[in-house]
mmCIF file of all heavy atoms, coordinates in Angstrom:
data_MODEL
# 
_entry.id   MODEL 
# 
loop_
_atom_site.group_PDB 
_atom_site.id 
_atom_site.type_symbol 
_atom_site.label_atom_id 
_atom_site.label_alt_id 
_atom_site.label_comp_id 
_atom_site.label_asym_id 
_atom_site.label_entity_id 
_atom_site.label_seq_id 
_atom_site.pdbx_PDB_ins_code 
_atom_site.Cartn_x 
_atom_site.Cartn_y 
_atom_site.Cartn_z 
_atom_site.occupancy 
_atom_site.B_iso_or_equiv 
_atom_site.pdbx_formal_charge 
_atom_site.auth_seq_id 
_atom_site.auth_comp_id 
_atom_site.auth_asym_id 
_atom_site.auth_atom_id 
_atom_site.pdbx_PDB_model_num 
ATOM 1   N N   . ALA A 1 1  ? 98.466  108.888 85.925  1.00 0.00 ? 1  ALA A N   1 
ATOM 2   C CA  . ALA A 1 1  ? 98.627  107.689 85.103  1.00 0.00 ? 1  ALA A CA  1 
ATOM 3   C C   . ALA A 1 1  ? 99.070  108.059 83.709  1.00 0.00 ? 1  ALA A C   1 
ATOM 4   O O   . ALA A 1 1  ? 99.960  107.394 83.102  1.00 0.00 ? 1  ALA A O   1 
ATOM 5   C CB  . ALA A 1 1  ? 97.335  106.878 85.080  1.00 0.00 ? 1  ALA A CB  1 
ATOM 6   N N   . LYS A 1 2  ? 98.469  109.098 83.137  1.00 0.00 ? 2  LYS A N   1 
ATOM 7   C CA  . LYS A 1 2  ? 98.845  109.495 81.776  1.00 0.00 ? 2  LYS A CA  1 
ATOM 8   C C   . LYS A 1 2  ? 100.280 109.993 81.748  1.00 0.00 ? 2  LYS A C   1 
ATOM 9   O O   . LYS A 1 2  ? 101.017 109.719 80.752  1.00 0.00 ? 2  LYS A O   1 
ATOM 10  C CB  . LYS A 1 2  ? 97.882  110.618 81.281  1.00 0.00 ? 2  LYS A CB  1 
ATOM 11  C CG  . LYS A 1 2  ? 96.472  110.175 81.023  1.00 0.00 ? 2  LYS A CG  1 
ATOM 12  C CD  . LYS A 1 2  ? 95.602  111.337 80.581  1.00 0.00 ? 2  LYS A CD  1 
ATOM 13  C CE  . LYS A 1 2  ? 94.182  110.885 80.334  1.00 0.00 ? 2  LYS A CE  1 
ATOM 14  N NZ  . LYS A 1 2  ? 93.290  112.028 79.914  1.00 0.00 ? 2  LYS A NZ  1 
ATOM 15  N N   . GLU A 1 3  ? 100.692 110.696 82.792  1.00 0.00 ? 3  GLU A N   1 
ATOM 16  C CA  . GLU A 1 3  ? 102.129 111.157 82.829  1.00 0.00 ? 3  GLU A CA  1 
ATOM 17  C C   . GLU A 1 3  ? 103.081 109.972 82.941  1.00 0.00 ? 3  GLU A C   1 
ATOM 18  O O   . GLU A 1 3  ? 104.090 109.917 82.241  1.00 0.00 ? 3  GLU A O   1 
ATOM 19  C CB  . GLU A 1 3  ? 102.333 112.112 83.990  1.00 0.00 ? 3  GLU A CB  1 
ATOM 20  C CG  . GLU A 1 3  ? 103.718 112.635 84.102  1.00 0.00 ? 3  GLU A CG  1 
ATOM 21  C CD  . GLU A 1 3  ? 103.921 113.625 85.223  1.00 0.00 ? 3  GLU A CD  1 
ATOM 22  O OE1 . GLU A 1 3  ? 102.881 114.074 85.802  1.00 0.00 ? 3  GLU A OE1 1 
ATOM 23  O OE2 . GLU A 1 3  ? 105.048 113.993 85.523  1.00 0.00 ? 3  GLU A OE2 1 
ATOM 24  N N   . LEU A 1 4  ? 102.716 108.986 83.731  1.00 0.00 ? 4  LEU A N   1 
ATOM 25  C CA  . LEU A 1 4  ? 103.540 107.765 83.905  1.00 0.00 ? 4  LEU A CA  1 
ATOM 26  C C   . LEU A 1 4  ? 103.670 107.027 82.577  1.00 0.00 ? 4  LEU A C   1 
ATOM 27  O O   . LEU A 1 4  ? 104.695 106.374 82.320  1.00 0.00 ? 4  LEU A O   1 
ATOM 28  C CB  . LEU A 1 4  ? 102.985 106.867 84.990  1.00 0.00 ? 4  LEU A CB  1 
ATOM 29  C CG  . LEU A 1 4  ? 103.085 107.350 86.427  1.00 0.00 ? 4  LEU A CG  1 
ATOM 30  C CD1 . LEU A 1 4  ? 102.305 106.445 87.351  1.00 0.00 ? 4  LEU A CD1 1 
ATOM 31  C CD2 . LEU A 1 4  ? 104.548 107.401 86.865  1.00 0.00 ? 4  LEU A CD2 1 
ATOM 32  N N   . ALA A 1 5  ? 102.616 107.036 81.765  1.00 0.00 ? 5  ALA A N   1 
ATOM 33  C CA  . ALA A 1 5  ? 102.611 106.303 80.520  1.00 0.00 ? 5  ALA A CA  1 
ATOM 34  C C   . ALA A 1 5  ? 103.756 106.687 79.598  1.00 0.00 ? 5  ALA A C   1 
ATOM 35  O O   . ALA A 1 5  ? 104.214 105.866 78.786  1.00 0.00 ? 5  ALA A O   1 
ATOM 36  C CB  . ALA A 1 5  ? 101.260 106.517 79.810  1.00 0.00 ? 5  ALA A CB  1 
ATOM 37  N N   . HIS A 1 6  ? 104.217 107.932 79.718  1.00 0.00 ? 6  HIS A N   1 
ATOM 38  C CA  . HIS A 1 6  ? 105.331 108.340 78.855  1.00 0.00 ? 6  HIS A CA  1 
ATOM 39  C C   . HIS A 1 6  ? 106.646 107.678 79.201  1.00 0.00 ? 6  HIS A C   1 
ATOM 40  O O   . HIS A 1 6  ? 107.606 107.722 78.383  1.00 0.00 ? 6  HIS A O   1 
ATOM 41  C CB  . HIS A 1 6  ? 105.507 109.878 78.976  1.00 0.00 ? 6  HIS A CB  1 
ATOM 42  C CG  . HIS A 1 6  ? 104.355 110.649 78.401  1.00 0.00 ? 6  HIS A CG  1 
ATOM 43  N ND1 . HIS A 1 6  ? 104.114 110.763 77.097  1.00 0.00 ? 6  HIS A ND1 1 
ATOM 44  C CD2 . HIS A 1 6  ? 103.347 111.344 79.010  1.00 0.00 ? 6  HIS A CD2 1 
ATOM 45  C CE1 . HIS A 1 6  ? 103.037 111.536 76.861  1.00 0.00 ? 6  HIS A CE1 1 
ATOM 46  N NE2 . HIS A 1 6  ? 102.558 111.877 78.044  1.00 0.00 ? 6  HIS A NE2 1 
ATOM 47  N N   . TYR A 1 7  ? 106.760 107.051 80.379  1.00 0.00 ? 7  TYR A N   1 
ATOM 48  C CA  . TYR A 1 7  ? 108.034 106.535 80.835  1.00 0.00 ? 7  TYR A CA  1 
ATOM 49  C C   . TYR A 1 7  ? 108.187 105.029 80.667  1.00 0.00 ? 7  TYR A C   1 
ATOM 50  O O   . TYR A 1 7  ? 109.233 104.471 81.033  1.00 0.00 ? 7  TYR A O   1 
ATOM 51  C CB  . TYR A 1 7  ? 108.241 106.886 82.310  1.00 0.00 ? 7  TYR A CB  1 
ATOM 52  C CG  . TYR A 1 7  ? 108.370 108.379 82.482  1.00 0.00 ? 7  TYR A CG  1 
ATOM 53  C CD1 . TYR A 1 7  ? 107.264 109.183 82.869  1.00 0.00 ? 7  TYR A CD1 1 
ATOM 54  C CD2 . TYR A 1 7  ? 109.574 109.047 82.299  1.00 0.00 ? 7  TYR A CD2 1 
ATOM 55  C CE1 . TYR A 1 7  ? 107.352 110.538 83.031  1.00 0.00 ? 7  TYR A CE1 1 
ATOM 56  C CE2 . TYR A 1 7  ? 109.712 110.397 82.484  1.00 0.00 ? 7  TYR A CE2 1 
ATOM 57  C CZ  . TYR A 1 7  ? 108.593 111.123 82.853  1.00 0.00 ? 7  TYR A CZ  1 
ATOM 58  O OH  . TYR A 1 7  ? 108.709 112.504 82.972  1.00 0.00 ? 7  TYR A OH  1 
ATOM 59  N N   . HIS A 1 8  ? 107.185 104.357 80.034  1.00 0.00 ? 8  HIS A N   1 
ATOM 60  C CA  . HIS A 1 8  ? 107.259 102.935 79.761  1.00 0.00 ? 8  HIS A CA  1 
ATOM 61  C C   . HIS A 1 8  ? 107.790 102.163 81.003  1.00 0.00 ? 8  HIS A C   1 
ATOM 62  O O   . HIS A 1 8  ? 108.859 101.548 80.989  1.00 0.00 ? 8  HIS A O   1 
ATOM 63  C CB  . HIS A 1 8  ? 108.176 102.672 78.581  1.00 0.00 ? 8  HIS A CB  1 
ATOM 64  C CG  . HIS A 1 8  ? 107.770 103.452 77.350  1.00 0.00 ? 8  HIS A CG  1 
ATOM 65  N ND1 . HIS A 1 8  ? 106.661 103.133 76.627  1.00 0.00 ? 8  HIS A ND1 1 
ATOM 66  C CD2 . HIS A 1 8  ? 108.346 104.535 76.776  1.00 0.00 ? 8  HIS A CD2 1 
ATOM 67  C CE1 . HIS A 1 8  ? 106.552 104.020 75.616  1.00 0.00 ? 8  HIS A CE1 1 
ATOM 68  N NE2 . HIS A 1 8  ? 107.542 104.877 75.683  1.00 0.00 ? 8  HIS A NE2 1 
ATOM 69  N N   . ILE A 1 9  ? 107.049 102.230 82.044  1.00 0.00 ? 9  ILE A N   1 
ATOM 70  C CA  . ILE A 1 9  ? 107.462 101.694 83.365  1.00 0.00 ? 9  ILE A CA  1 
ATOM 71  C C   . ILE A 1 9  ? 107.654 100.199 83.310  1.00 0.00 ? 9  ILE A C   1 
ATOM 72  O O   . ILE A 1 9  ? 106.807 99.446  82.771  1.00 0.00 ? 9  ILE A O   1 
ATOM 73  C CB  . ILE A 1 9  ? 106.435 102.095 84.428  1.00 0.00 ? 9  ILE A CB  1 
ATOM 74  C CG1 . ILE A 1 9  ? 106.496 103.598 84.638  1.00 0.00 ? 9  ILE A CG1 1 
ATOM 75  C CG2 . ILE A 1 9  ? 106.698 101.418 85.751  1.00 0.00 ? 9  ILE A CG2 1 
ATOM 76  C CD1 . ILE A 1 9  ? 105.447 104.163 85.539  1.00 0.00 ? 9  ILE A CD1 1 
ATOM 77  N N   . ARG A 1 10 ? 108.713 99.722  83.923  1.00 0.00 ? 10 ARG A N   1 
ATOM 78  C CA  . ARG A 1 10 ? 109.086 98.321  83.942  1.00 0.00 ? 10 ARG A CA  1 
ATOM 79  C C   . ARG A 1 10 ? 108.731 97.692  85.301  1.00 0.00 ? 10 ARG A C   1 
ATOM 80  O O   . ARG A 1 10 ? 109.596 97.614  86.169  1.00 0.00 ? 10 ARG A O   1 
ATOM 81  C CB  . ARG A 1 10 ? 110.575 98.142  83.681  1.00 0.00 ? 10 ARG A CB  1 
ATOM 82  C CG  . ARG A 1 10 ? 111.101 98.852  82.446  1.00 0.00 ? 10 ARG A CG  1 
ATOM 83  C CD  . ARG A 1 10 ? 112.600 98.564  82.193  1.00 0.00 ? 10 ARG A CD  1 
ATOM 84  N NE  . ARG A 1 10 ? 113.368 98.812  83.382  1.00 0.00 ? 10 ARG A NE  1 
ATOM 85  C CZ  . ARG A 1 10 ? 113.963 99.982  83.656  1.00 0.00 ? 10 ARG A CZ  1 
ATOM 86  N NH1 . ARG A 1 10 ? 113.798 101.030 82.837  1.00 0.00 ? 10 ARG A NH1 1 
ATOM 87  N NH2 . ARG A 1 10 ? 114.698 100.134 84.732  1.00 0.00 ? 10 ARG A NH2 1 
ATOM 88  N N   . THR A 1 11 ? 107.490 97.378  85.521  1.00 0.00 ? 11 THR A N   1 
ATOM 89  C CA  . THR A 1 11 ? 107.098 96.698  86.741  1.00 0.00 ? 11 THR A CA  1 
ATOM 90  C C   . THR A 1 11 ? 105.663 96.207  86.596  1.00 0.00 ? 11 THR A C   1 
ATOM 91  O O   . THR A 1 11 ? 104.894 96.724  85.758  1.00 0.00 ? 11 THR A O   1 
ATOM 92  C CB  . THR A 1 11 ? 107.197 97.622  87.973  1.00 0.00 ? 11 THR A CB  1 
ATOM 93  O OG1 . THR A 1 11 ? 106.935 96.859  89.163  1.00 0.00 ? 11 THR A OG1 1 
ATOM 94  C CG2 . THR A 1 11 ? 106.179 98.752  87.891  1.00 0.00 ? 11 THR A CG2 1 
ATOM 95  N N   . ASN A 1 12 ? 105.269 95.233  87.399  1.00 0.00 ? 12 ASN A N   1 
ATOM 96  C CA  . ASN A 1 12 ? 103.895 94.829  87.451  1.00 0.00 ? 12 ASN A CA  1 
ATOM 97  C C   . ASN A 1 12 ? 103.371 94.993  88.889  1.00 0.00 ? 12 ASN A C   1 
ATOM 98  O O   . ASN A 1 12 ? 102.435 94.302  89.281  1.00 0.00 ? 12 ASN A O   1 
ATOM 99  C CB  . ASN A 1 12 ? 103.702 93.382  87.002  1.00 0.00 ? 12 ASN A CB  1 
ATOM 100 C CG  . ASN A 1 12 ? 104.434 92.394  87.876  1.00 0.00 ? 12 ASN A CG  1 
ATOM 101 O OD1 . ASN A 1 12 ? 105.237 92.774  88.730  1.00 0.00 ? 12 ASN A OD1 1 
ATOM 102 N ND2 . ASN A 1 12 ? 104.140 91.110  87.725  1.00 0.00 ? 12 ASN A ND2 1 
ATOM 103 N N   . ARG A 1 13 ? 104.027 95.899  89.662  1.00 0.00 ? 13 ARG A N   1 
ATOM 104 C CA  . ARG A 1 13 ? 103.615 96.144  91.041  1.00 0.00 ? 13 ARG A CA  1 
ATOM 105 C C   . ARG A 1 13 ? 103.541 97.629  91.306  1.00 0.00 ? 13 ARG A C   1 
ATOM 106 O O   . ARG A 1 13 ? 104.356 98.396  90.765  1.00 0.00 ? 13 ARG A O   1 
ATOM 107 C CB  . ARG A 1 13 ? 104.647 95.561  92.006  1.00 0.00 ? 13 ARG A CB  1 
ATOM 108 C CG  . ARG A 1 13 ? 104.549 94.065  92.257  1.00 0.00 ? 13 ARG A CG  1 
ATOM 109 C CD  . ARG A 1 13 ? 105.523 93.658  93.338  1.00 0.00 ? 13 ARG A CD  1 
ATOM 110 N NE  . ARG A 1 13 ? 105.084 92.390  93.942  1.00 0.00 ? 13 ARG A NE  1 
ATOM 111 C CZ  . ARG A 1 13 ? 105.458 91.992  95.114  1.00 0.00 ? 13 ARG A CZ  1 
ATOM 112 N NH1 . ARG A 1 13 ? 106.311 92.719  95.821  1.00 0.00 ? 13 ARG A NH1 1 
ATOM 113 N NH2 . ARG A 1 13 ? 105.021 90.844  95.594  1.00 0.00 ? 13 ARG A NH2 1 
ATOM 114 N N   . ILE A 1 14 ? 102.589 98.028  92.120  1.00 0.00 ? 14 ILE A N   1 
ATOM 115 C CA  . ILE A 1 14 ? 102.510 99.379  92.615  1.00 0.00 ? 14 ILE A CA  1 
ATOM 116 C C   . ILE A 1 14 ? 102.451 99.254  94.153  1.00 0.00 ? 14 ILE A C   1 
ATOM 117 O O   . ILE A 1 14 ? 101.566 98.605  94.685  1.00 0.00 ? 14 ILE A O   1 
ATOM 118 C CB  . ILE A 1 14 ? 101.303 100.162 92.091  1.00 0.00 ? 14 ILE A CB  1 
ATOM 119 C CG1 . ILE A 1 14 ? 101.424 100.389 90.576  1.00 0.00 ? 14 ILE A CG1 1 
ATOM 120 C CG2 . ILE A 1 14 ? 101.217 101.530 92.778  1.00 0.00 ? 14 ILE A CG2 1 
ATOM 121 C CD1 . ILE A 1 14 ? 100.223 101.104 89.980  1.00 0.00 ? 14 ILE A CD1 1 
ATOM 122 N N   . TYR A 1 15 ? 103.398 99.872  94.852  1.00 0.00 ? 15 TYR A N   1 
ATOM 123 C CA  . TYR A 1 15 ? 103.384 99.908  96.284  1.00 0.00 ? 15 TYR A CA  1 
ATOM 124 C C   . TYR A 1 15 ? 102.637 101.137 96.737  1.00 0.00 ? 15 TYR A C   1 
ATOM 125 O O   . TYR A 1 15 ? 102.818 102.232 96.201  1.00 0.00 ? 15 TYR A O   1 
ATOM 126 C CB  . TYR A 1 15 ? 104.817 99.916  96.840  1.00 0.00 ? 15 TYR A CB  1 
ATOM 127 C CG  . TYR A 1 15 ? 105.593 98.651  96.574  1.00 0.00 ? 15 TYR A CG  1 
ATOM 128 C CD1 . TYR A 1 15 ? 106.376 98.545  95.442  1.00 0.00 ? 15 TYR A CD1 1 
ATOM 129 C CD2 . TYR A 1 15 ? 105.537 97.588  97.461  1.00 0.00 ? 15 TYR A CD2 1 
ATOM 130 C CE1 . TYR A 1 15 ? 107.094 97.359  95.202  1.00 0.00 ? 15 TYR A CE1 1 
ATOM 131 C CE2 . TYR A 1 15 ? 106.228 96.419  97.239  1.00 0.00 ? 15 TYR A CE2 1 
ATOM 132 C CZ  . TYR A 1 15 ? 106.996 96.293  96.085  1.00 0.00 ? 15 TYR A CZ  1 
ATOM 133 O OH  . TYR A 1 15 ? 107.695 95.138  95.853  1.00 0.00 ? 15 TYR A OH  1 
ATOM 134 N N   . THR A 1 16 ? 101.791 100.961 97.736  1.00 0.00 ? 16 THR A N   1 
ATOM 135 C CA  . THR A 1 16 ? 100.966 102.068 98.214  1.00 0.00 ? 16 THR A CA  1 
ATOM 136 C C   . THR A 1 16 ? 100.728 101.989 99.705  1.00 0.00 ? 16 THR A C   1 
ATOM 137 O O   . THR A 1 16 ? 100.735 100.908 100.312 1.00 0.00 ? 16 THR A O   1 
ATOM 138 C CB  . THR A 1 16 ? 99.581  102.079 97.474  1.00 0.00 ? 16 THR A CB  1 
ATOM 139 O OG1 . THR A 1 16 ? 98.812  103.135 98.002  1.00 0.00 ? 16 THR A OG1 1 
ATOM 140 C CG2 . THR A 1 16 ? 98.845  100.753 97.668  1.00 0.00 ? 16 THR A CG2 1 
ATOM 141 N N   . SER A 1 17 ? 100.559 103.131 100.331 1.00 0.00 ? 17 SER A N   1 
ATOM 142 C CA  . SER A 1 17 ? 100.017 103.189 101.661 1.00 0.00 ? 17 SER A CA  1 
ATOM 143 C C   . SER A 1 17 ? 98.669  102.461 101.669 1.00 0.00 ? 17 SER A C   1 
ATOM 144 O O   . SER A 1 17 ? 98.027  102.386 100.658 1.00 0.00 ? 17 SER A O   1 
ATOM 145 C CB  . SER A 1 17 ? 99.833  104.646 102.080 1.00 0.00 ? 17 SER A CB  1 
ATOM 146 O OG  . SER A 1 17 ? 98.846  104.818 103.049 1.00 0.00 ? 17 SER A OG  1 
ATOM 147 N N   . ASP A 1 18 ? 98.295  101.917 102.830 1.00 0.00 ? 18 ASP A N   1 
ATOM 148 C CA  . ASP A 1 18 ? 97.076  101.150 102.905 1.00 0.00 ? 18 ASP A CA  1 
ATOM 149 C C   . ASP A 1 18 ? 95.844  102.002 103.207 1.00 0.00 ? 18 ASP A C   1 
ATOM 150 O O   . ASP A 1 18 ? 94.757  101.516 103.447 1.00 0.00 ? 18 ASP A O   1 
ATOM 151 C CB  . ASP A 1 18 ? 97.183  100.026 103.923 1.00 0.00 ? 18 ASP A CB  1 
ATOM 152 C CG  . ASP A 1 18 ? 97.498  100.545 105.336 1.00 0.00 ? 18 ASP A CG  1 
ATOM 153 O OD1 . ASP A 1 18 ? 97.836  101.733 105.474 1.00 0.00 ? 18 ASP A OD1 1 
ATOM 154 O OD2 . ASP A 1 18 ? 97.386  99.764  106.288 1.00 0.00 ? 18 ASP A OD2 1 
ATOM 155 N N   . LEU A 1 19 ? 95.978  103.342 103.177 1.00 0.00 ? 19 LEU A N   1 
ATOM 156 C CA  . LEU A 1 19 ? 94.828  104.219 103.358 1.00 0.00 ? 19 LEU A CA  1 
ATOM 157 C C   . LEU A 1 19 ? 94.064  104.350 102.063 1.00 0.00 ? 19 LEU A C   1 
ATOM 158 O O   . LEU A 1 19 ? 94.634  104.301 100.969 1.00 0.00 ? 19 LEU A O   1 
ATOM 159 C CB  . LEU A 1 19 ? 95.284  105.580 103.869 1.00 0.00 ? 19 LEU A CB  1 
ATOM 160 C CG  . LEU A 1 19 ? 95.967  105.567 105.262 1.00 0.00 ? 19 LEU A CG  1 
ATOM 161 C CD1 . LEU A 1 19 ? 96.432  106.974 105.675 1.00 0.00 ? 19 LEU A CD1 1 
ATOM 162 C CD2 . LEU A 1 19 ? 95.038  104.977 106.324 1.00 0.00 ? 19 LEU A CD2 1 
ATOM 163 N N   . SER A 1 20 ? 92.732  104.564 102.158 1.00 0.00 ? 20 SER A N   1 
ATOM 164 C CA  . SER A 1 20 ? 91.863  104.468 100.974 1.00 0.00 ? 20 SER A CA  1 
ATOM 165 C C   . SER A 1 20 ? 92.231  105.497 99.891  1.00 0.00 ? 20 SER A C   1 
ATOM 166 O O   . SER A 1 20 ? 92.122  105.210 98.719  1.00 0.00 ? 20 SER A O   1 
ATOM 167 C CB  . SER A 1 20 ? 90.390  104.626 101.366 1.00 0.00 ? 20 SER A CB  1 
ATOM 168 O OG  . SER A 1 20 ? 90.170  105.854 101.981 1.00 0.00 ? 20 SER A OG  1 
ATOM 169 N N   . ARG A 1 21 ? 92.672  106.697 100.270 1.00 0.00 ? 21 ARG A N   1 
ATOM 170 C CA  . ARG A 1 21 ? 92.983  107.687 99.292  1.00 0.00 ? 21 ARG A CA  1 
ATOM 171 C C   . ARG A 1 21 ? 94.170  107.330 98.401  1.00 0.00 ? 21 ARG A C   1 
ATOM 172 O O   . ARG A 1 21 ? 94.235  107.718 97.245  1.00 0.00 ? 21 ARG A O   1 
ATOM 173 C CB  . ARG A 1 21 ? 93.192  109.052 99.951  1.00 0.00 ? 21 ARG A CB  1 
ATOM 174 C CG  . ARG A 1 21 ? 94.297  109.159 101.023 1.00 0.00 ? 21 ARG A CG  1 
ATOM 175 C CD  . ARG A 1 21 ? 94.227  110.499 101.711 1.00 0.00 ? 21 ARG A CD  1 
ATOM 176 N NE  . ARG A 1 21 ? 95.211  110.744 102.696 1.00 0.00 ? 21 ARG A NE  1 
ATOM 177 C CZ  . ARG A 1 21 ? 95.107  110.455 104.019 1.00 0.00 ? 21 ARG A CZ  1 
ATOM 178 N NH1 . ARG A 1 21 ? 94.041  109.817 104.425 1.00 0.00 ? 21 ARG A NH1 1 
ATOM 179 N NH2 . ARG A 1 21 ? 96.072  110.757 104.866 1.00 0.00 ? 21 ARG A NH2 1 
ATOM 180 N N   . THR A 1 22 ? 95.141  106.576 98.972  1.00 0.00 ? 22 THR A N   1 
ATOM 181 C CA  . THR A 1 22 ? 96.265  106.152 98.193  1.00 0.00 ? 22 THR A CA  1 
ATOM 182 C C   . THR A 1 22 ? 95.960  104.852 97.428  1.00 0.00 ? 22 THR A C   1 
ATOM 183 O O   . THR A 1 22 ? 96.367  104.697 96.322  1.00 0.00 ? 22 THR A O   1 
ATOM 184 C CB  . THR A 1 22 ? 97.501  105.945 99.096  1.00 0.00 ? 22 THR A CB  1 
ATOM 185 O OG1 . THR A 1 22 ? 97.145  105.110 100.215 1.00 0.00 ? 22 THR A OG1 1 
ATOM 186 C CG2 . THR A 1 22 ? 98.039  107.250 99.580  1.00 0.00 ? 22 THR A CG2 1 
ATOM 187 N N   . VAL A 1 23 ? 95.208  103.969 98.035  1.00 0.00 ? 23 VAL A N   1 
ATOM 188 C CA  . VAL A 1 23 ? 94.859  102.712 97.403  1.00 0.00 ? 23 VAL A CA  1 
ATOM 189 C C   . VAL A 1 23 ? 94.025  103.012 96.137  1.00 0.00 ? 23 VAL A C   1 
ATOM 190 O O   . VAL A 1 23 ? 94.277  102.435 95.069  1.00 0.00 ? 23 VAL A O   1 
ATOM 191 C CB  . VAL A 1 23 ? 94.095  101.788 98.342  1.00 0.00 ? 23 VAL A CB  1 
ATOM 192 C CG1 . VAL A 1 23 ? 93.517  100.575 97.567  1.00 0.00 ? 23 VAL A CG1 1 
ATOM 193 C CG2 . VAL A 1 23 ? 94.959  101.319 99.506  1.00 0.00 ? 23 VAL A CG2 1 
ATOM 194 N N   . LYS A 1 24 ? 93.049  103.896 96.244  1.00 0.00 ? 24 LYS A N   1 
ATOM 195 C CA  . LYS A 1 24 ? 92.210  104.258 95.097  1.00 0.00 ? 24 LYS A CA  1 
ATOM 196 C C   . LYS A 1 24 ? 93.088  104.890 94.000  1.00 0.00 ? 24 LYS A C   1 
ATOM 197 O O   . LYS A 1 24 ? 92.919  104.582 92.780  1.00 0.00 ? 24 LYS A O   1 
ATOM 198 C CB  . LYS A 1 24 ? 91.078  105.189 95.537  1.00 0.00 ? 24 LYS A CB  1 
ATOM 199 C CG  . LYS A 1 24 ? 90.083  105.453 94.370  1.00 0.00 ? 24 LYS A CG  1 
ATOM 200 C CD  . LYS A 1 24 ? 89.393  104.190 93.876  1.00 0.00 ? 24 LYS A CD  1 
ATOM 201 C CE  . LYS A 1 24 ? 88.376  104.513 92.796  1.00 0.00 ? 24 LYS A CE  1 
ATOM 202 N NZ  . LYS A 1 24 ? 87.762  103.259 92.277  1.00 0.00 ? 24 LYS A NZ  1 
ATOM 203 N N   . THR A 1 25 ? 93.947  105.783 94.379  1.00 0.00 ? 25 THR A N   1 
ATOM 204 C CA  . THR A 1 25 ? 94.866  106.391 93.379  1.00 0.00 ? 25 THR A CA  1 
ATOM 205 C C   . THR A 1 25 ? 95.681  105.336 92.693  1.00 0.00 ? 25 THR A C   1 
ATOM 206 O O   . THR A 1 25 ? 95.822  105.345 91.447  1.00 0.00 ? 25 THR A O   1 
ATOM 207 C CB  . THR A 1 25 ? 95.791  107.398 94.069  1.00 0.00 ? 25 THR A CB  1 
ATOM 208 O OG1 . THR A 1 25 ? 95.012  108.423 94.736  1.00 0.00 ? 25 THR A OG1 1 
ATOM 209 C CG2 . THR A 1 25 ? 96.730  108.075 93.062  1.00 0.00 ? 25 THR A CG2 1 
ATOM 210 N N   . ALA A 1 26 ? 96.189  104.365 93.446  1.00 0.00 ? 26 ALA A N   1 
ATOM 211 C CA  . ALA A 1 26 ? 97.019  103.288 92.857  1.00 0.00 ? 26 ALA A CA  1 
ATOM 212 C C   . ALA A 1 26 ? 96.178  102.451 91.924  1.00 0.00 ? 26 ALA A C   1 
ATOM 213 O O   . ALA A 1 26 ? 96.650  102.011 90.824  1.00 0.00 ? 26 ALA A O   1 
ATOM 214 C CB  . ALA A 1 26 ? 97.651  102.446 93.964  1.00 0.00 ? 26 ALA A CB  1 
ATOM 215 N N   . GLU A 1 27 ? 94.914  102.159 92.325  1.00 0.00 ? 27 GLU A N   1 
ATOM 216 C CA  . GLU A 1 27 ? 94.055  101.328 91.468  1.00 0.00 ? 27 GLU A CA  1 
ATOM 217 C C   . GLU A 1 27 ? 93.755  102.025 90.133  1.00 0.00 ? 27 GLU A C   1 
ATOM 218 O O   . GLU A 1 27 ? 93.721  101.366 89.106  1.00 0.00 ? 27 GLU A O   1 
ATOM 219 C CB  . GLU A 1 27 ? 92.767  101.039 92.233  1.00 0.00 ? 27 GLU A CB  1 
ATOM 220 C CG  . GLU A 1 27 ? 92.963  100.030 93.414  1.00 0.00 ? 27 GLU A CG  1 
ATOM 221 C CD  . GLU A 1 27 ? 91.684  99.870  94.219  1.00 0.00 ? 27 GLU A CD  1 
ATOM 222 O OE1 . GLU A 1 27 ? 90.739  100.683 94.060  1.00 0.00 ? 27 GLU A OE1 1 
ATOM 223 O OE2 . GLU A 1 27 ? 91.678  98.907  95.035  1.00 0.00 ? 27 GLU A OE2 1 
ATOM 224 N N   . ILE A 1 28 ? 93.524  103.309 90.173  1.00 0.00 ? 28 ILE A N   1 
ATOM 225 C CA  . ILE A 1 28 ? 93.263  104.048 88.949  1.00 0.00 ? 28 ILE A CA  1 
ATOM 226 C C   . ILE A 1 28 ? 94.476  104.032 88.028  1.00 0.00 ? 28 ILE A C   1 
ATOM 227 O O   . ILE A 1 28 ? 94.363  103.796 86.818  1.00 0.00 ? 28 ILE A O   1 
ATOM 228 C CB  . ILE A 1 28 ? 92.852  105.518 89.251  1.00 0.00 ? 28 ILE A CB  1 
ATOM 229 C CG1 . ILE A 1 28 ? 91.469  105.531 89.944  1.00 0.00 ? 28 ILE A CG1 1 
ATOM 230 C CG2 . ILE A 1 28 ? 92.830  106.371 87.990  1.00 0.00 ? 28 ILE A CG2 1 
ATOM 231 C CD1 . ILE A 1 28 ? 91.046  106.870 90.461  1.00 0.00 ? 28 ILE A CD1 1 
ATOM 232 N N   . ILE A 1 29 ? 95.649  104.207 88.611  1.00 0.00 ? 29 ILE A N   1 
ATOM 233 C CA  . ILE A 1 29 ? 96.873  104.178 87.844  1.00 0.00 ? 29 ILE A CA  1 
ATOM 234 C C   . ILE A 1 29 ? 97.091  102.764 87.230  1.00 0.00 ? 29 ILE A C   1 
ATOM 235 O O   . ILE A 1 29 ? 97.450  102.608 86.072  1.00 0.00 ? 29 ILE A O   1 
ATOM 236 C CB  . ILE A 1 29 ? 98.080  104.589 88.726  1.00 0.00 ? 29 ILE A CB  1 
ATOM 237 C CG1 . ILE A 1 29 ? 97.975  106.056 89.070  1.00 0.00 ? 29 ILE A CG1 1 
ATOM 238 C CG2 . ILE A 1 29 ? 99.410  104.284 88.000  1.00 0.00 ? 29 ILE A CG2 1 
ATOM 239 C CD1 . ILE A 1 29 ? 99.011  106.542 90.084  1.00 0.00 ? 29 ILE A CD1 1 
ATOM 240 N N   . ALA A 1 30 ? 96.883  101.778 88.086  1.00 0.00 ? 30 ALA A N   1 
ATOM 241 C CA  . ALA A 1 30 ? 97.054  100.356 87.591  1.00 0.00 ? 30 ALA A CA  1 
ATOM 242 C C   . ALA A 1 30 ? 96.085  100.058 86.459  1.00 0.00 ? 30 ALA A C   1 
ATOM 243 O O   . ALA A 1 30 ? 96.478  99.448  85.444  1.00 0.00 ? 30 ALA A O   1 
ATOM 244 C CB  . ALA A 1 30 ? 96.839  99.420  88.753  1.00 0.00 ? 30 ALA A CB  1 
# 
């Protein structure tokens, strides 16, 4: 998430696999 912050991302969506390890990662980033 900190690395992504440098790129000023233009979206309000994160697409993720529906498995818990990816969903949790996406939630932390969001």
